[in-house]
Amino acid sequence: MQDVIEYLDRGPHHIAYRRLFGRTPGVMFCGGFMSDMTGSKATALATHCAAQRRAFVRFDYAGHGASGGHFEDGTISQWRDDALTALDALTEGPQVVVGSSMGGWIALLLALARPQRVRGLVLLAPAPDFTQTILDHELSPTERERLQCDGRIERPSEYSEQPYVITRRLIEDGQRHRLLDAPIALSCPVRIVHGMRDSDVAWQQSITLIERLQGEDSHLTLLKNGDHRLSGDADLARLTGLVDALCGA
């Protein structure tokens, strides 16, 4: 077993990761926008997998956490490719992929790219197509103009003193990876958990997502008092239970 920070070269930047060796199916965690692999959900999964002697990988996208690169240069394409690199280089055998917020979008793209490797998905407040949601519903006329002229805007974050940076490049690249406008050709089991008090990603979007998934083994749990983070003790227990069930415990 091992869980120390290591680095994986990927072109012009390196990807920081922590890995536990163990039995399969393994578990892989994809974090959210401007988050990193030290968050409560990733840490809880690491502790749980270590106790079960199960393989586990968590990593930071380029421009996030301990990885190289600049956040403002990041796109959905780049972060998906970071996840693909981690899956291909750091895991063996079938994997249950857990995706939180933007990581839910990345996890879906990962499963579409490597269907033979992904045994199942656990998606927590998933945010597929969030770049389109920002463009359509969240930007003021002033922000739209600044995004076009300057190529970037800053928006306040509830979770950090650092603002969210949204770039025109991120928005435009997100268009290439939209999923909610058509059927999603995944057959693996999918478990979605979404809080109905989520102020960042509307829970109704998860209803759209489950309608688009073509696999029959897709379940959605709505939590009446759940927020976006889903990191309370009960939330973490639910998460590990879902992962165990998909792994076959």
Protein backbone atom coordinates (compact mmCIF):
# COMPACT_ATOMS: atom_id res chain seq x y z
CA MET A 1 0.00 0.00 0.00
CA GLN A 2 1.21 3.51 -0.81
CA ASP A 3 -0.30 7.00 -0.60
CA VAL A 4 2.44 9.59 -1.06
CA ILE A 5 2.38 12.36 -3.63
CA GLU A 6 4.02 11.42 -6.92
CA TYR A 7 4.19 13.02 -10.35
CA LEU A 8 3.35 11.84 -13.83
CA ASP A 9 4.76 13.70 -16.83
CA ARG A 10 2.19 14.76 -19.40
CA GLY A 11 3.66 16.93 -22.12
CA PRO A 12 4.39 20.45 -20.90
CA HIS A 13 3.20 19.84 -17.33
CA HIS A 14 3.18 17.18 -14.65
CA ILE A 15 0.19 15.58 -12.97
CA ALA A 16 0.36 15.14 -9.20
CA TYR A 17 -1.28 12.00 -7.86
CA ARG A 18 -1.58 9.70 -4.88
CA ARG A 19 -2.03 5.99 -5.38
CA LEU A 20 -2.88 3.00 -3.25
CA PHE A 21 -2.01 -0.42 -4.62
CA GLY A 22 -4.48 -3.17 -3.88
CA ARG A 23 -7.19 -5.39 -5.19
CA THR A 24 -9.51 -4.68 -8.09
CA PRO A 25 -11.92 -3.34 -9.07
CA GLY A 26 -10.00 -0.21 -8.23
CA VAL A 27 -11.42 3.22 -7.51
CA MET A 28 -10.47 6.49 -9.18
CA PHE A 29 -11.55 9.95 -8.04
CA CYS A 30 -12.08 12.96 -10.34
CA GLY A 31 -12.36 16.24 -8.45
CA GLY A 32 -14.23 19.43 -9.23
CA PHE A 33 -13.46 22.82 -10.73
CA MET A 34 -10.68 24.54 -8.73
CA SER A 35 -10.58 21.67 -6.21
CA ASP A 36 -7.79 19.23 -5.48
CA MET A 37 -7.13 15.70 -4.27
CA THR A 38 -6.90 16.69 -0.59
CA GLY A 39 -10.65 17.33 -0.25
CA SER A 40 -12.88 15.46 2.16
CA LYS A 41 -14.44 13.09 -0.39
CA ALA A 42 -11.10 12.07 -1.91
CA THR A 43 -9.56 11.64 1.52
CA ALA A 44 -12.50 9.60 2.80
CA LEU A 45 -12.24 7.30 -0.19
CA ALA A 46 -8.50 6.91 0.35
CA THR A 47 -9.06 5.90 3.97
CA HIS A 48 -11.87 3.52 3.04
CA CYS A 49 -9.94 1.87 0.20
CA ALA A 50 -6.85 1.51 2.38
CA ALA A 51 -8.90 -0.33 5.00
CA GLN A 52 -10.21 -2.66 2.30
CA ARG A 53 -6.83 -3.04 0.63
CA ARG A 54 -8.43 -1.82 -2.59
CA ALA A 55 -6.52 0.07 -5.30
CA PHE A 56 -7.27 3.79 -5.37
CA VAL A 57 -6.03 6.75 -7.42
CA ARG A 58 -6.67 10.46 -6.91
CA PHE A 59 -4.97 13.23 -8.88
CA ASP A 60 -4.95 16.95 -9.60
CA TYR A 61 -5.81 18.28 -13.03
CA ALA A 62 -3.33 20.65 -14.67
CA GLY A 63 -3.45 24.01 -12.94
CA HIS A 64 -5.04 22.48 -9.83
CA GLY A 65 -3.49 21.57 -6.50
CA ALA A 66 0.03 20.21 -6.74
CA SER A 67 0.02 19.67 -10.52
CA GLY A 68 1.89 21.84 -12.97
CA GLY A 69 0.42 24.24 -15.47
CA HIS A 70 -1.69 27.38 -15.11
CA PHE A 71 -5.35 27.17 -14.19
CA GLU A 72 -6.36 29.79 -16.74
CA ASP A 73 -4.91 27.67 -19.55
CA GLY A 74 -7.16 24.75 -18.63
CA THR A 75 -10.04 23.39 -20.69
CA ILE A 76 -12.41 20.45 -20.46
CA SER A 77 -10.35 18.75 -23.19
CA GLN A 78 -7.15 19.13 -21.20
CA TRP A 79 -8.64 17.98 -17.92
CA ARG A 80 -10.33 15.01 -19.59
CA ASP A 81 -6.99 14.06 -21.10
CA ASP A 82 -5.34 14.39 -17.67
CA ALA A 83 -7.90 11.91 -16.35
CA LEU A 84 -7.34 9.56 -19.29
CA THR A 85 -3.59 9.70 -18.70
CA ALA A 86 -4.08 8.85 -15.03
CA LEU A 87 -6.44 5.98 -15.86
CA ASP A 88 -4.14 4.51 -18.50
CA ALA A 89 -0.85 4.97 -16.63
CA LEU A 90 -1.80 4.47 -13.00
CA THR A 91 -4.55 1.84 -12.90
CA GLU A 92 -5.01 -1.77 -13.88
CA GLY A 93 -8.19 -3.71 -14.47
CA PRO A 94 -11.75 -2.47 -14.03
CA GLN A 95 -12.31 0.81 -12.21
CA VAL A 96 -15.19 2.45 -10.41
CA VAL A 97 -14.82 6.16 -11.19
CA VAL A 98 -16.15 8.74 -8.73
CA GLY A 99 -16.73 12.24 -10.07
CA SER A 100 -17.63 15.30 -8.01
CA SER A 101 -19.22 18.37 -9.66
CA MET A 102 -17.11 19.09 -12.77
CA GLY A 103 -15.47 15.75 -12.05
CA GLY A 104 -18.82 14.15 -12.87
CA TRP A 105 -18.54 15.56 -16.40
CA ILE A 106 -14.95 14.34 -16.63
CA ALA A 107 -15.95 10.89 -15.33
CA LEU A 108 -18.68 10.59 -17.98
CA LEU A 109 -16.21 11.56 -20.72
CA LEU A 110 -13.73 9.05 -19.30
CA ALA A 111 -16.30 6.25 -19.41
CA LEU A 112 -17.22 7.13 -23.00
CA ALA A 113 -13.54 7.05 -24.01
CA ARG A 114 -12.66 3.84 -22.08
CA PRO A 115 -15.88 1.82 -21.72
CA GLN A 116 -13.92 -1.42 -21.35
CA ARG A 117 -12.08 -0.05 -18.29
CA VAL A 118 -14.91 1.64 -16.38
CA ARG A 119 -16.97 -0.78 -14.32
CA GLY A 120 -19.29 1.90 -12.95
CA LEU A 121 -19.70 5.57 -12.11
CA VAL A 122 -20.61 7.37 -8.89
CA LEU A 123 -21.47 11.00 -9.66
CA LEU A 124 -21.88 13.56 -6.87
CA ALA A 125 -23.69 16.78 -7.84
CA PRO A 126 -22.43 16.21 -11.40
CA ALA A 127 -22.00 19.24 -13.62
CA PRO A 128 -21.88 18.12 -17.25
CA ASP A 129 -22.13 21.02 -19.68
CA PHE A 130 -21.58 23.53 -16.87
CA THR A 131 -19.77 25.86 -19.27
CA GLN A 132 -22.96 26.14 -21.34
CA THR A 133 -25.00 26.77 -18.19
CA ILE A 134 -22.67 29.65 -17.29
CA LEU A 135 -22.97 31.10 -20.77
CA ASP A 136 -26.75 30.76 -21.02
CA HIS A 137 -27.93 31.59 -17.52
CA GLU A 138 -25.28 33.10 -15.27
CA LEU A 139 -23.40 35.85 -17.08
CA SER A 140 -24.55 39.45 -16.90
CA PRO A 141 -24.32 41.56 -20.08
CA THR A 142 -21.24 43.24 -18.61
CA GLU A 143 -19.57 39.90 -17.93
CA ARG A 144 -20.37 38.68 -21.44
CA GLU A 145 -18.76 41.76 -22.93
CA ARG A 146 -15.69 41.44 -20.71
CA LEU A 147 -15.35 37.75 -21.57
CA GLN A 148 -15.35 38.59 -25.25
CA CYS A 149 -12.99 41.55 -24.95
CA ASP A 150 -10.57 40.32 -22.27
CA GLY A 151 -10.91 36.56 -22.72
CA ARG A 152 -11.54 36.07 -18.98
CA ILE A 153 -13.70 37.10 -16.06
CA GLU A 154 -13.47 36.53 -12.32
CA ARG A 155 -16.41 35.43 -10.22
CA PRO A 156 -16.55 35.10 -6.41
CA SER A 157 -16.32 31.65 -4.86
CA GLU A 158 -18.18 30.44 -1.77
CA TYR A 159 -15.41 27.94 -1.09
CA SER A 160 -12.23 29.97 -1.42
CA GLU A 161 -10.85 33.47 -1.08
CA GLN A 162 -9.61 33.06 -4.64
CA PRO A 163 -12.22 33.90 -7.30
CA TYR A 164 -13.30 31.51 -9.99
CA VAL A 165 -11.61 32.42 -13.26
CA ILE A 166 -13.74 31.72 -16.32
CA THR A 167 -12.02 32.02 -19.70
CA ARG A 168 -13.45 32.29 -23.17
CA ARG A 169 -11.26 29.37 -24.13
CA LEU A 170 -12.87 27.20 -21.43
CA ILE A 171 -16.39 28.13 -22.57
CA GLU A 172 -15.63 27.52 -26.24
CA ASP A 173 -13.90 24.20 -25.60
CA GLY A 174 -16.78 23.04 -23.42
CA GLN A 175 -19.01 23.18 -26.47
CA ARG A 176 -17.09 20.24 -27.93
CA HIS A 177 -17.97 18.00 -25.01
CA ARG A 178 -21.63 18.73 -24.35
CA LEU A 179 -23.57 15.63 -23.30
CA LEU A 180 -27.07 16.64 -22.28
CA ASP A 181 -28.44 17.40 -25.75
CA ALA A 182 -28.46 13.78 -26.93
CA PRO A 183 -28.52 10.18 -25.64
CA ILE A 184 -25.38 9.19 -23.74
CA ALA A 185 -24.16 5.80 -24.95
CA LEU A 186 -23.05 4.30 -21.64
CA SER A 187 -24.12 0.88 -20.44
CA CYS A 188 -22.19 0.68 -17.16
CA PRO A 189 -24.01 1.16 -13.84
CA VAL A 190 -24.31 4.83 -12.83
CA ARG A 191 -25.20 6.13 -9.37
CA ILE A 192 -26.00 9.85 -9.10
CA VAL A 193 -26.43 11.74 -5.81
CA HIS A 194 -27.61 15.36 -5.84
CA GLY A 195 -28.68 17.71 -3.07
CA MET A 196 -31.84 19.73 -3.58
CA ARG A 197 -30.25 22.68 -1.76
CA ASP A 198 -27.32 22.78 -4.17
CA SER A 199 -26.76 26.44 -5.02
CA ASP A 200 -24.08 25.71 -7.64
CA VAL A 201 -25.53 22.97 -9.84
CA ALA A 202 -29.30 22.63 -10.18
CA TRP A 203 -30.55 19.20 -9.11
CA GLN A 204 -32.95 19.21 -12.06
CA GLN A 205 -29.91 18.80 -14.29
CA SER A 206 -29.33 15.34 -12.81
CA ILE A 207 -32.85 14.37 -13.87
CA THR A 208 -31.93 15.40 -17.41
CA LEU A 209 -28.70 13.42 -17.13
CA ILE A 210 -30.37 10.21 -16.02
CA GLU A 211 -32.92 10.58 -18.82
CA ARG A 212 -30.07 10.83 -21.34
CA LEU A 213 -28.15 7.79 -20.05
CA GLN A 214 -28.91 4.77 -22.22
CA GLY A 215 -27.89 2.14 -19.68
CA GLU A 216 -30.72 0.54 -17.71
CA ASP A 217 -28.78 0.36 -14.43
CA SER A 218 -28.82 4.09 -13.62
CA HIS A 219 -30.11 5.41 -10.29
CA LEU A 220 -30.57 8.96 -9.00
CA THR A 221 -30.81 9.85 -5.31
CA LEU A 222 -32.10 13.33 -4.45
CA LEU A 223 -31.33 14.61 -0.96
CA LYS A 224 -33.89 17.14 0.24
CA ASN A 225 -31.43 18.94 2.53
CA GLY A 226 -28.25 18.18 0.61
CA ASP A 227 -25.90 20.97 -0.49
CA HIS A 228 -23.30 21.01 -3.25
CA ARG A 229 -20.42 19.66 -1.26
CA LEU A 230 -22.06 16.45 -0.01
CA SER A 231 -19.20 15.99 2.44
CA GLY A 232 -20.94 15.46 5.78
CA ASP A 233 -20.51 12.19 7.65
CA ALA A 234 -23.74 10.75 6.26
CA ASP A 235 -22.77 11.85 2.75
CA LEU A 236 -19.37 10.19 2.98
CA ALA A 237 -20.90 6.98 4.35
CA ARG A 238 -23.35 6.97 1.43
CA LEU A 239 -20.48 7.51 -1.00
CA THR A 240 -18.38 4.63 0.28
CA GLY A 241 -21.46 2.40 0.33
CA LEU A 242 -22.21 3.13 -3.31
CA VAL A 243 -18.59 2.49 -4.27
CA ASP A 244 -18.56 -0.83 -2.38
CA ALA A 245 -21.76 -1.91 -4.11
CA LEU A 246 -20.38 -1.18 -7.58
CA CYS A 247 -17.09 -2.87 -6.72
CA GLY A 248 -18.97 -5.94 -5.52
CA ALA A 249 -17.44 -5.35 -2.07
